[in-house]
């Protein structure tokens, strides 16, 4: 019996000591991992698994090439597409040609009328070619096209000092593509306006 009482007393002391130790490890208002805060105003501890905030993956950005919409009729084509930039309409050329087509001559006559009504406007004519041929050939072809346009304007009484030319060859296509549907728009003379 005495032995039982000693064991019971030891068990009571161990239980009391463990309660004291558990009570001393947590301070009021401070919550440690695995312990629950007790007392008024303490937030309840969430039960079960807590999900982490999900961050969406970064959005990938694609490079997009936009092909301008252009009318299928050459006489309305490029001029209407660039009308916002210049009142002067572009002219188109046939493959490997620098001679003016009939529709190009009519477009240039209209451009001459505008230039006569605006005598202080200066223009830069850009000669362009499609991608077929060497760079050197296309630069020379673009230059011939720009000169042909300049000569037509000068013959229509536009002063030569108002007109400058440059050739870009195939380097600045208006429509991207590798077939006639793109090439026919890239064989052109383009007008840029300036002022004195």
N, C-alpha and C. Protein backbone atom coordinates (compact mmCIF):
# COMPACT_ATOMS: atom_id res chain seq x y z
N UNK A 1 0.82 -1.16 0.00
CA UNK A 1 0.00 0.00 0.00
C UNK A 1 0.89 1.26 0.00
N UNK A 2 1.89 1.21 0.77
CA UNK A 2 2.78 2.34 0.83
C UNK A 2 3.43 2.55 -0.53
N UNK A 3 3.73 1.47 -1.16
CA UNK A 3 4.34 1.55 -2.47
C UNK A 3 3.39 2.18 -3.47
N UNK A 4 2.14 1.83 -3.39
CA UNK A 4 1.13 2.38 -4.28
C UNK A 4 0.99 3.87 -4.05
N UNK A 5 1.03 4.28 -2.81
CA UNK A 5 0.88 5.69 -2.47
C UNK A 5 2.07 6.47 -3.00
N UNK A 6 3.26 5.96 -2.92
CA UNK A 6 4.46 6.64 -3.41
C UNK A 6 4.35 6.79 -4.92
N UNK A 7 3.88 5.77 -5.60
CA UNK A 7 3.71 5.83 -7.06
C UNK A 7 2.65 6.86 -7.43
N UNK A 8 1.57 6.90 -6.63
CA UNK A 8 0.51 7.86 -6.88
C UNK A 8 1.00 9.27 -6.64
N UNK A 9 1.79 9.46 -5.59
CA UNK A 9 2.35 10.78 -5.31
C UNK A 9 3.32 11.20 -6.42
N UNK A 10 4.12 10.27 -6.89
CA UNK A 10 5.07 10.57 -7.98
C UNK A 10 4.31 10.95 -9.25
N UNK A 11 3.26 10.21 -9.54
CA UNK A 11 2.46 10.49 -10.73
C UNK A 11 1.81 11.85 -10.63
N UNK A 12 1.33 12.20 -9.43
CA UNK A 12 0.70 13.51 -9.24
C UNK A 12 1.71 14.61 -9.41
N UNK A 13 2.91 14.42 -8.89
CA UNK A 13 3.94 15.44 -9.03
C UNK A 13 4.36 15.59 -10.48
N UNK A 14 4.50 14.50 -11.17
CA UNK A 14 4.88 14.56 -12.58
C UNK A 14 3.81 15.27 -13.41
N UNK A 15 2.56 14.97 -13.11
CA UNK A 15 1.46 15.62 -13.81
C UNK A 15 1.43 17.10 -13.52
N UNK A 16 1.61 17.48 -12.29
CA UNK A 16 1.64 18.89 -11.90
C UNK A 16 2.81 19.62 -12.54
N UNK A 17 3.98 18.96 -12.56
CA UNK A 17 5.16 19.58 -13.16
C UNK A 17 4.97 19.77 -14.66
N UNK A 18 4.38 18.79 -15.29
CA UNK A 18 4.18 18.90 -16.73
C UNK A 18 3.18 20.01 -17.06
N UNK A 19 2.14 20.15 -16.18
CA UNK A 19 1.18 21.24 -16.39
C UNK A 19 1.84 22.59 -16.20
N UNK A 20 2.72 22.69 -15.23
CA UNK A 20 3.42 23.95 -14.99
C UNK A 20 4.33 24.28 -16.16
N UNK A 21 5.03 23.26 -16.67
CA UNK A 21 5.93 23.48 -17.80
C UNK A 21 5.17 23.90 -19.05
N UNK A 22 4.06 23.27 -19.33
CA UNK A 22 3.24 23.62 -20.50
C UNK A 22 2.70 25.03 -20.34
N UNK A 23 2.26 25.39 -19.16
CA UNK A 23 1.72 26.73 -18.92
C UNK A 23 2.78 27.80 -19.04
N UNK A 24 4.04 27.50 -18.76
CA UNK A 24 5.11 28.50 -18.80
C UNK A 24 5.65 28.71 -20.21
N UNK A 25 5.43 27.76 -21.11
CA UNK A 25 6.02 27.89 -22.45
C UNK A 25 5.30 28.90 -23.31
N UNK A 26 4.04 29.20 -23.01
CA UNK A 26 3.31 30.18 -23.81
C UNK A 26 3.02 31.41 -23.00
N UNK A 27 3.19 32.58 -23.65
CA UNK A 27 2.90 33.84 -22.99
C UNK A 27 1.56 34.33 -23.51
N UNK A 28 0.83 35.05 -22.70
CA UNK A 28 -0.44 35.57 -23.17
C UNK A 28 -0.23 36.53 -24.34
N UNK A 29 -1.06 36.40 -25.40
CA UNK A 29 -1.00 37.28 -26.56
C UNK A 29 0.04 36.87 -27.57
N UNK A 30 0.87 35.88 -27.30
CA UNK A 30 1.87 35.42 -28.25
C UNK A 30 1.54 33.99 -28.61
N UNK A 31 1.46 33.74 -29.89
CA UNK A 31 1.10 32.40 -30.33
C UNK A 31 2.32 31.79 -31.00
N UNK A 32 2.70 30.64 -30.53
CA UNK A 32 3.82 29.95 -31.12
C UNK A 32 3.27 28.84 -31.99
N UNK A 33 4.13 28.31 -32.83
CA UNK A 33 3.69 27.25 -33.72
C UNK A 33 3.19 26.08 -32.90
N UNK A 34 2.04 25.59 -33.22
CA UNK A 34 1.48 24.43 -32.52
C UNK A 34 0.68 24.78 -31.29
N UNK A 35 0.71 26.03 -30.83
CA UNK A 35 -0.06 26.38 -29.64
C UNK A 35 -1.22 27.26 -30.05
N UNK A 36 -2.30 27.18 -29.32
CA UNK A 36 -3.48 28.00 -29.61
C UNK A 36 -3.52 29.13 -28.62
N UNK A 37 -3.82 30.35 -29.11
CA UNK A 37 -3.91 31.49 -28.23
C UNK A 37 -5.20 31.42 -27.44
N UNK A 38 -5.10 31.71 -26.18
CA UNK A 38 -6.28 31.65 -25.33
C UNK A 38 -6.57 33.03 -24.81
N UNK A 39 -7.78 33.27 -24.50
CA UNK A 39 -8.14 34.54 -23.88
C UNK A 39 -9.11 35.30 -24.76
N UNK A 40 -9.65 36.39 -24.23
CA UNK A 40 -10.62 37.16 -24.99
C UNK A 40 -9.97 37.86 -26.18
N UNK A 41 -10.68 37.91 -27.31
CA UNK A 41 -10.21 38.59 -28.51
C UNK A 41 -9.23 37.79 -29.32
N UNK A 42 -8.93 36.58 -28.91
CA UNK A 42 -7.99 35.77 -29.66
C UNK A 42 -8.69 35.21 -30.89
N UNK A 43 -8.00 35.28 -32.02
CA UNK A 43 -8.60 34.75 -33.25
C UNK A 43 -8.61 33.24 -33.19
N UNK A 44 -9.68 32.63 -33.67
CA UNK A 44 -9.72 31.17 -33.65
C UNK A 44 -8.71 30.60 -34.62
N UNK A 45 -8.14 29.51 -34.24
CA UNK A 45 -7.15 28.86 -35.08
C UNK A 45 -7.87 28.08 -36.18
N UNK A 46 -7.45 28.27 -37.44
CA UNK A 46 -8.14 27.57 -38.52
C UNK A 46 -7.95 26.08 -38.40
N UNK A 47 -9.01 25.38 -38.70
CA UNK A 47 -8.98 23.93 -38.64
C UNK A 47 -8.66 23.37 -40.02
N UNK A 48 -7.95 22.28 -40.07
CA UNK A 48 -7.65 21.61 -41.33
C UNK A 48 -6.48 22.27 -42.05
N UNK A 49 -6.32 21.91 -43.33
CA UNK A 49 -5.22 22.39 -44.16
C UNK A 49 -5.51 23.80 -44.66
N UNK A 50 -4.55 24.69 -44.51
CA UNK A 50 -4.68 26.07 -44.98
C UNK A 50 -4.07 26.15 -46.37
N UNK A 51 -4.84 26.64 -47.37
CA UNK A 51 -4.33 26.77 -48.74
C UNK A 51 -3.54 28.06 -48.87
N UNK A 52 -2.44 27.97 -49.59
CA UNK A 52 -1.63 29.15 -49.85
C UNK A 52 -2.29 29.96 -50.96
N UNK A 53 -2.04 31.27 -50.96
CA UNK A 53 -2.58 32.13 -52.00
C UNK A 53 -1.94 31.74 -53.33
N UNK A 54 -2.78 31.52 -54.32
CA UNK A 54 -2.27 31.11 -55.62
C UNK A 54 -2.00 32.34 -56.48
N UNK A 55 -0.79 32.42 -57.04
CA UNK A 55 -0.39 33.53 -57.90
C UNK A 55 -0.49 33.03 -59.33
N UNK A 56 -1.21 33.75 -60.19
CA UNK A 56 -1.34 33.28 -61.57
C UNK A 56 0.00 33.31 -62.27
N UNK A 57 0.20 32.40 -63.22
CA UNK A 57 1.47 32.37 -63.96
C UNK A 57 1.58 33.63 -64.82
N UNK A 58 2.80 34.04 -65.15
CA UNK A 58 2.96 35.24 -65.98
C UNK A 58 2.33 35.03 -67.35
N UNK A 59 1.80 36.11 -67.89
CA UNK A 59 1.16 36.06 -69.21
C UNK A 59 2.25 36.11 -70.26
N UNK A 60 2.19 35.21 -71.22
CA UNK A 60 3.18 35.24 -72.28
C UNK A 60 2.72 36.22 -73.36
N UNK A 61 3.66 36.96 -73.90
CA UNK A 61 3.36 37.95 -74.92
C UNK A 61 3.87 37.42 -76.25
N UNK A 62 2.97 37.43 -77.24
CA UNK A 62 3.35 36.97 -78.57
C UNK A 62 3.58 38.18 -79.45
N UNK A 63 4.49 38.04 -80.38
CA UNK A 63 4.69 39.08 -81.36
C UNK A 63 3.69 38.84 -82.48
N UNK A 64 2.96 39.87 -82.83
CA UNK A 64 1.92 39.73 -83.84
C UNK A 64 2.25 40.64 -85.01
N UNK A 65 2.18 40.10 -86.20
CA UNK A 65 2.37 40.89 -87.39
C UNK A 65 1.00 41.24 -87.94
N UNK A 66 0.77 42.52 -88.14
CA UNK A 66 -0.52 42.97 -88.66
C UNK A 66 -0.34 43.35 -90.11
N UNK A 67 -1.14 42.76 -90.96
CA UNK A 67 -1.14 43.10 -92.38
C UNK A 67 -2.24 44.11 -92.62
N UNK A 68 -1.92 45.25 -93.21
CA UNK A 68 -2.96 46.27 -93.41
C UNK A 68 -4.02 45.80 -94.38
N UNK A 69 -5.24 46.25 -94.16
CA UNK A 69 -6.32 45.94 -95.08
C UNK A 69 -6.26 46.94 -96.23
N UNK A 70 -6.22 46.42 -97.40
CA UNK A 70 -6.12 47.26 -98.58
C UNK A 70 -7.14 46.77 -99.59
N UNK A 71 -7.77 47.68 -100.28
CA UNK A 71 -8.74 47.32 -101.31
C UNK A 71 -8.07 46.50 -102.40
N UNK A 72 -8.79 45.63 -103.03
CA UNK A 72 -8.24 44.81 -104.10
C UNK A 72 -8.10 45.59 -105.40
N UNK A 73 -8.70 46.76 -105.50
CA UNK A 73 -8.58 47.57 -106.71
C UNK A 73 -7.35 48.45 -106.58
N UNK A 74 -6.35 48.30 -107.48
CA UNK A 74 -5.13 49.09 -107.36
C UNK A 74 -5.38 50.59 -107.38
N UNK A 75 -6.37 51.05 -108.13
CA UNK A 75 -6.57 52.49 -108.21
C UNK A 75 -7.09 53.06 -106.89
N UNK A 76 -7.70 52.24 -106.03
CA UNK A 76 -8.18 52.73 -104.74
C UNK A 76 -7.29 52.23 -103.62
N UNK A 77 -6.41 51.29 -103.94
CA UNK A 77 -5.63 50.56 -102.96
C UNK A 77 -4.81 51.36 -101.98
N UNK A 78 -3.56 51.59 -102.30
CA UNK A 78 -2.66 52.17 -101.32
C UNK A 78 -3.01 53.60 -100.97
N UNK A 79 -3.51 54.34 -101.93
CA UNK A 79 -3.86 55.73 -101.65
C UNK A 79 -4.89 55.83 -100.55
N UNK A 80 -5.88 54.95 -100.56
CA UNK A 80 -6.90 55.01 -99.53
C UNK A 80 -6.37 54.49 -98.20
N UNK A 81 -5.37 53.60 -98.24
CA UNK A 81 -4.83 53.04 -97.00
C UNK A 81 -3.97 54.05 -96.27
N UNK A 82 -3.34 54.98 -97.00
CA UNK A 82 -2.46 55.95 -96.35
C UNK A 82 -3.04 57.35 -96.39
N UNK A 83 -4.32 57.47 -96.70
CA UNK A 83 -4.93 58.79 -96.82
C UNK A 83 -4.86 59.57 -95.52
N UNK A 84 -4.80 58.87 -94.36
CA UNK A 84 -4.72 59.57 -93.08
C UNK A 84 -3.39 60.32 -92.95
N UNK A 85 -2.32 59.80 -93.55
CA UNK A 85 -1.01 60.41 -93.42
C UNK A 85 -0.80 61.51 -94.44
N UNK A 86 -1.26 61.30 -95.66
CA UNK A 86 -0.98 62.23 -96.74
C UNK A 86 -2.16 62.29 -97.69
N UNK A 87 -2.45 63.47 -98.20
CA UNK A 87 -3.51 63.56 -99.21
C UNK A 87 -3.02 63.07 -100.58
N UNK A 88 -1.72 62.83 -100.71
CA UNK A 88 -1.16 62.33 -101.96
C UNK A 88 -1.20 60.81 -101.99
N UNK A 89 -1.68 60.28 -103.09
CA UNK A 89 -1.86 58.83 -103.19
C UNK A 89 -0.63 58.16 -103.79
N UNK A 90 -0.35 56.95 -103.34
CA UNK A 90 0.76 56.16 -103.87
C UNK A 90 0.42 55.64 -105.26
N UNK A 91 1.46 55.30 -106.01
CA UNK A 91 1.26 54.68 -107.32
C UNK A 91 1.93 53.31 -107.32
N UNK A 92 1.34 52.39 -108.07
CA UNK A 92 1.83 51.01 -108.14
C UNK A 92 2.51 50.76 -109.48
N UNK A 93 3.42 49.78 -109.47
CA UNK A 93 4.17 49.44 -110.66
C UNK A 93 4.02 47.94 -110.95
N UNK A 94 4.28 47.59 -112.23
CA UNK A 94 4.31 46.18 -112.61
C UNK A 94 5.66 45.57 -112.21
N UNK A 95 5.72 44.26 -112.21
CA UNK A 95 6.91 43.51 -111.82
C UNK A 95 8.10 43.90 -112.70
N UNK A 96 9.20 44.28 -112.05
CA UNK A 96 10.45 44.68 -112.68
C UNK A 96 10.31 45.83 -113.67
N UNK A 97 9.33 46.68 -113.47
CA UNK A 97 9.10 47.82 -114.36
C UNK A 97 9.18 49.11 -113.57
N UNK A 98 9.63 50.16 -114.27
CA UNK A 98 9.61 51.49 -113.68
C UNK A 98 8.76 52.44 -114.51
N UNK A 99 8.16 51.92 -115.59
CA UNK A 99 7.26 52.73 -116.42
C UNK A 99 5.92 52.88 -115.70
N UNK A 100 5.31 54.06 -115.86
CA UNK A 100 4.02 54.32 -115.21
C UNK A 100 2.89 53.63 -115.95
N UNK A 101 2.00 53.00 -115.19
CA UNK A 101 0.79 52.42 -115.74
C UNK A 101 -0.24 53.54 -115.92
N UNK A 102 -1.32 53.26 -116.66
CA UNK A 102 -2.36 54.26 -116.89
C UNK A 102 -3.03 54.70 -115.58
N UNK A 103 -3.30 53.74 -114.69
CA UNK A 103 -3.92 54.12 -113.40
C UNK A 103 -2.96 54.96 -112.57
N UNK A 104 -1.65 54.71 -112.67
CA UNK A 104 -0.66 55.51 -111.93
C UNK A 104 -0.61 56.93 -112.48
N UNK A 105 -0.72 57.08 -113.79
CA UNK A 105 -0.71 58.43 -114.39
C UNK A 105 -1.90 59.24 -113.91
N UNK A 106 -3.07 58.63 -113.83
CA UNK A 106 -4.25 59.35 -113.36
C UNK A 106 -4.09 59.75 -111.89
N UNK A 107 -3.53 58.86 -111.08
CA UNK A 107 -3.28 59.17 -109.67
C UNK A 107 -2.31 60.34 -109.55
N UNK A 108 -1.27 60.34 -110.39
CA UNK A 108 -0.28 61.43 -110.34
C UNK A 108 -0.88 62.75 -110.81
N UNK A 109 -1.78 62.72 -111.76
CA UNK A 109 -2.46 63.96 -112.20
C UNK A 109 -3.25 64.55 -111.03
N UNK A 110 -3.92 63.70 -110.28
CA UNK A 110 -4.64 64.18 -109.08
C UNK A 110 -3.68 64.74 -108.04
N UNK A 111 -2.53 64.08 -107.87
CA UNK A 111 -1.52 64.57 -106.93
C UNK A 111 -0.97 65.92 -107.37
N UNK A 112 -0.79 66.10 -108.68
CA UNK A 112 -0.30 67.37 -109.20
C UNK A 112 -1.29 68.49 -108.88
N UNK A 113 -2.58 68.22 -109.02
CA UNK A 113 -3.59 69.24 -108.70
C UNK A 113 -3.47 69.66 -107.23
N UNK A 114 -3.29 68.70 -106.35
CA UNK A 114 -3.15 69.02 -104.92
C UNK A 114 -1.88 69.84 -104.69
N UNK A 115 -0.78 69.45 -105.33
CA UNK A 115 0.49 70.16 -105.14
C UNK A 115 0.42 71.59 -105.67
N UNK A 116 -0.33 71.81 -106.74
CA UNK A 116 -0.50 73.18 -107.26
C UNK A 116 -1.34 74.02 -106.30
N UNK A 117 -2.31 73.40 -105.64
CA UNK A 117 -3.14 74.11 -104.68
C UNK A 117 -2.40 74.36 -103.36
N UNK A 118 -1.32 73.65 -103.14
CA UNK A 118 -0.51 73.79 -101.92
C UNK A 118 0.95 74.04 -102.32
N UNK A 119 1.26 75.24 -102.81
CA UNK A 119 2.57 75.50 -103.41
C UNK A 119 3.75 75.47 -102.44
N UNK A 120 3.51 75.48 -101.14
CA UNK A 120 4.62 75.44 -100.19
C UNK A 120 4.95 74.03 -99.71
N UNK A 121 4.17 73.06 -100.11
CA UNK A 121 4.41 71.68 -99.67
C UNK A 121 5.61 71.10 -100.40
N UNK A 122 6.47 70.48 -99.63
CA UNK A 122 7.61 69.74 -100.18
C UNK A 122 7.29 68.26 -100.09
N UNK A 123 7.81 67.47 -101.03
CA UNK A 123 7.52 66.04 -100.99
C UNK A 123 8.80 65.22 -101.13
N UNK A 124 8.77 64.07 -100.51
CA UNK A 124 9.81 63.06 -100.65
C UNK A 124 9.15 61.85 -101.27
N UNK A 125 9.64 61.43 -102.41
CA UNK A 125 9.09 60.24 -103.08
C UNK A 125 9.97 59.06 -102.74
N UNK A 126 9.37 58.03 -102.16
CA UNK A 126 10.07 56.79 -101.82
C UNK A 126 9.82 55.77 -102.92
N UNK A 127 10.90 55.19 -103.44
CA UNK A 127 10.78 54.11 -104.41
C UNK A 127 10.91 52.77 -103.71
N UNK A 128 9.95 51.87 -103.95
CA UNK A 128 9.94 50.56 -103.30
C UNK A 128 9.84 49.44 -104.33
N UNK A 129 10.30 48.25 -103.93
CA UNK A 129 10.23 47.06 -104.77
C UNK A 129 9.76 45.88 -103.93
N UNK A 130 9.33 44.80 -104.60
CA UNK A 130 9.00 43.60 -103.82
C UNK A 130 10.29 42.86 -103.49
N UNK A 131 10.19 41.74 -102.81
CA UNK A 131 11.37 41.06 -102.27
C UNK A 131 12.15 40.23 -103.29
N UNK A 132 11.62 40.07 -104.48
CA UNK A 132 12.33 39.26 -105.49
C UNK A 132 13.48 40.05 -106.10
N UNK A 133 14.61 39.41 -106.28
CA UNK A 133 15.80 40.07 -106.80
C UNK A 133 16.78 40.37 -105.68
N UNK A 134 17.97 40.78 -106.07
CA UNK A 134 19.00 41.10 -105.07
C UNK A 134 18.71 42.46 -104.44
N UNK A 135 19.34 42.72 -103.32
CA UNK A 135 19.18 44.02 -102.66
C UNK A 135 19.61 45.16 -103.58
N UNK A 136 20.74 44.98 -104.26
CA UNK A 136 21.26 46.02 -105.15
C UNK A 136 20.29 46.28 -106.29
N UNK A 137 19.78 45.21 -106.89
CA UNK A 137 18.82 45.36 -108.00
C UNK A 137 17.57 46.11 -107.53
N UNK A 138 17.04 45.73 -106.38
CA UNK A 138 15.82 46.35 -105.88
C UNK A 138 16.03 47.80 -105.47
N UNK A 139 17.20 48.14 -104.94
CA UNK A 139 17.49 49.54 -104.64
C UNK A 139 17.54 50.38 -105.92
N UNK A 140 18.19 49.84 -106.96
CA UNK A 140 18.25 50.55 -108.24
C UNK A 140 16.86 50.68 -108.86
N UNK A 141 16.05 49.62 -108.77
CA UNK A 141 14.69 49.66 -109.31
C UNK A 141 13.84 50.68 -108.55
N UNK A 142 13.96 50.71 -107.24
CA UNK A 142 13.22 51.70 -106.45
C UNK A 142 13.62 53.12 -106.81
N UNK A 143 14.90 53.33 -107.09
CA UNK A 143 15.37 54.66 -107.49
C UNK A 143 14.80 55.05 -108.86
N UNK A 144 14.80 54.10 -109.80
CA UNK A 144 14.22 54.39 -111.13
C UNK A 144 12.74 54.73 -111.01
N UNK A 145 12.02 54.03 -110.17
CA UNK A 145 10.60 54.31 -109.98
C UNK A 145 10.38 55.70 -109.40
N UNK A 146 11.17 56.07 -108.39
CA UNK A 146 11.04 57.39 -107.78
C UNK A 146 11.37 58.50 -108.79
N UNK A 147 12.40 58.28 -109.63
CA UNK A 147 12.76 59.27 -110.65
C UNK A 147 11.66 59.40 -111.69
N UNK A 148 11.03 58.29 -112.07
CA UNK A 148 9.94 58.34 -113.04
C UNK A 148 8.79 59.18 -112.51
N UNK A 149 8.48 59.01 -111.25
CA UNK A 149 7.39 59.78 -110.63
C UNK A 149 7.78 61.26 -110.57
N UNK A 150 9.01 61.55 -110.15
CA UNK A 150 9.48 62.94 -110.08
C UNK A 150 9.42 63.60 -111.45
N UNK A 151 9.87 62.90 -112.49
CA UNK A 151 9.85 63.46 -113.84
C UNK A 151 8.42 63.76 -114.30
N UNK A 152 7.48 62.90 -113.96
CA UNK A 152 6.08 63.14 -114.32
C UNK A 152 5.54 64.38 -113.62
N UNK A 153 5.88 64.54 -112.33
CA UNK A 153 5.43 65.71 -111.58
C UNK A 153 6.04 67.01 -112.14
N UNK A 154 7.33 66.97 -112.47
CA UNK A 154 8.00 68.15 -113.02
C UNK A 154 7.40 68.49 -114.38
N UNK A 155 7.10 67.49 -115.19
CA UNK A 155 6.45 67.72 -116.48
C UNK A 155 5.05 68.32 -116.29
N UNK A 156 4.43 68.09 -115.14
CA UNK A 156 3.11 68.65 -114.82
C UNK A 156 3.22 69.99 -114.10
N UNK A 157 4.38 70.67 -114.19
CA UNK A 157 4.62 72.00 -113.64
C UNK A 157 4.73 72.05 -112.12
N UNK A 158 5.22 70.99 -111.51
CA UNK A 158 5.60 71.03 -110.10
C UNK A 158 7.10 71.31 -110.08
N UNK A 159 7.51 72.35 -109.35
CA UNK A 159 8.91 72.76 -109.36
C UNK A 159 9.79 71.63 -108.82
N UNK A 160 10.90 71.38 -109.52
CA UNK A 160 11.80 70.27 -109.17
C UNK A 160 12.40 70.42 -107.79
N UNK A 161 12.57 71.67 -107.30
CA UNK A 161 13.17 71.86 -105.98
C UNK A 161 12.24 71.41 -104.86
N UNK A 162 10.97 71.21 -105.16
CA UNK A 162 10.01 70.76 -104.14
C UNK A 162 10.02 69.24 -103.98
N UNK A 163 10.70 68.55 -104.90
CA UNK A 163 10.61 67.09 -104.95
C UNK A 163 11.97 66.46 -104.67
N UNK A 164 12.02 65.59 -103.66
CA UNK A 164 13.22 64.79 -103.36
C UNK A 164 12.86 63.33 -103.54
N UNK A 165 13.87 62.51 -103.78
CA UNK A 165 13.62 61.07 -103.95
C UNK A 165 14.57 60.26 -103.07
N UNK A 166 14.12 59.05 -102.76
CA UNK A 166 14.94 58.08 -102.04
C UNK A 166 14.45 56.69 -102.43
N UNK A 167 15.35 55.72 -102.41
CA UNK A 167 14.96 54.34 -102.69
C UNK A 167 15.17 53.48 -101.45
N UNK A 168 14.16 52.67 -101.14
CA UNK A 168 14.29 51.70 -100.06
C UNK A 168 14.33 50.27 -100.60
N UNK A 169 14.19 50.11 -101.91
CA UNK A 169 14.21 48.77 -102.47
C UNK A 169 13.16 47.89 -101.81
N UNK A 170 13.58 46.74 -101.33
CA UNK A 170 12.66 45.78 -100.69
C UNK A 170 12.61 45.92 -99.17
N UNK A 171 13.35 46.88 -98.61
CA UNK A 171 13.56 46.95 -97.17
C UNK A 171 12.35 47.38 -96.35
N UNK A 172 11.39 48.07 -96.92
CA UNK A 172 10.22 48.55 -96.17
C UNK A 172 8.93 48.11 -96.85
N UNK A 173 8.60 46.83 -96.77
CA UNK A 173 7.37 46.37 -97.44
C UNK A 173 6.13 46.97 -96.80
N UNK A 174 5.14 47.27 -97.63
CA UNK A 174 3.87 47.79 -97.13
C UNK A 174 2.99 46.65 -96.65
N UNK A 175 3.03 45.52 -97.37
CA UNK A 175 2.26 44.33 -97.00
C UNK A 175 3.25 43.18 -96.86
N UNK A 176 3.19 42.46 -95.74
CA UNK A 176 4.07 41.32 -95.52
C UNK A 176 3.51 40.09 -96.21
N UNK A 177 4.37 39.34 -96.86
CA UNK A 177 3.95 38.11 -97.53
C UNK A 177 4.97 37.72 -98.58
N UNK A 178 4.81 36.50 -99.07
CA UNK A 178 5.78 35.96 -100.03
C UNK A 178 5.09 35.46 -101.28
N UNK A 179 4.06 36.18 -101.73
CA UNK A 179 3.38 35.84 -102.96
C UNK A 179 2.84 37.12 -103.59
N UNK A 180 2.21 36.98 -104.75
CA UNK A 180 1.76 38.14 -105.51
C UNK A 180 0.74 38.99 -104.77
N UNK A 181 -0.02 38.38 -103.85
CA UNK A 181 -1.01 39.17 -103.11
C UNK A 181 -0.33 40.24 -102.23
N UNK A 182 0.90 40.02 -101.84
CA UNK A 182 1.66 41.03 -101.09
C UNK A 182 2.55 41.84 -102.02
N UNK A 183 3.20 41.17 -102.94
CA UNK A 183 4.17 41.84 -103.81
C UNK A 183 3.55 42.98 -104.61
N UNK A 184 2.29 42.81 -105.06
CA UNK A 184 1.69 43.84 -105.92
C UNK A 184 1.55 45.17 -105.19
N UNK A 185 1.46 45.16 -103.85
CA UNK A 185 1.35 46.40 -103.08
C UNK A 185 2.72 46.97 -102.72
N UNK A 186 3.74 46.15 -102.77
CA UNK A 186 5.08 46.60 -102.39
C UNK A 186 5.86 47.22 -103.55
N UNK A 187 5.40 47.04 -104.79
CA UNK A 187 6.01 47.70 -105.95
C UNK A 187 5.33 49.06 -106.10
N UNK A 188 5.87 50.06 -105.41
CA UNK A 188 5.15 51.32 -105.35
C UNK A 188 6.08 52.52 -105.24
N UNK A 189 5.46 53.67 -105.48
CA UNK A 189 6.07 54.95 -105.17
C UNK A 189 5.22 55.58 -104.08
N UNK A 190 5.84 55.93 -102.97
CA UNK A 190 5.12 56.46 -101.82
C UNK A 190 5.49 57.93 -101.61
N UNK A 191 4.49 58.75 -101.23
CA UNK A 191 4.70 60.19 -101.03
C UNK A 191 4.73 60.53 -99.54
N UNK A 192 5.76 61.27 -99.16
CA UNK A 192 5.84 61.85 -97.81
C UNK A 192 5.83 63.36 -97.94
N UNK A 193 5.00 64.00 -97.13
CA UNK A 193 4.90 65.46 -97.18
C UNK A 193 5.86 66.10 -96.19
N UNK A 194 6.37 67.25 -96.59
CA UNK A 194 7.20 68.06 -95.71
C UNK A 194 6.79 69.51 -95.87
N UNK A 195 7.51 70.39 -95.22
CA UNK A 195 7.24 71.82 -95.37
C UNK A 195 8.56 72.56 -95.35
N UNK A 196 8.60 73.79 -95.88
CA UNK A 196 9.87 74.54 -95.96
C UNK A 196 10.42 74.90 -94.59
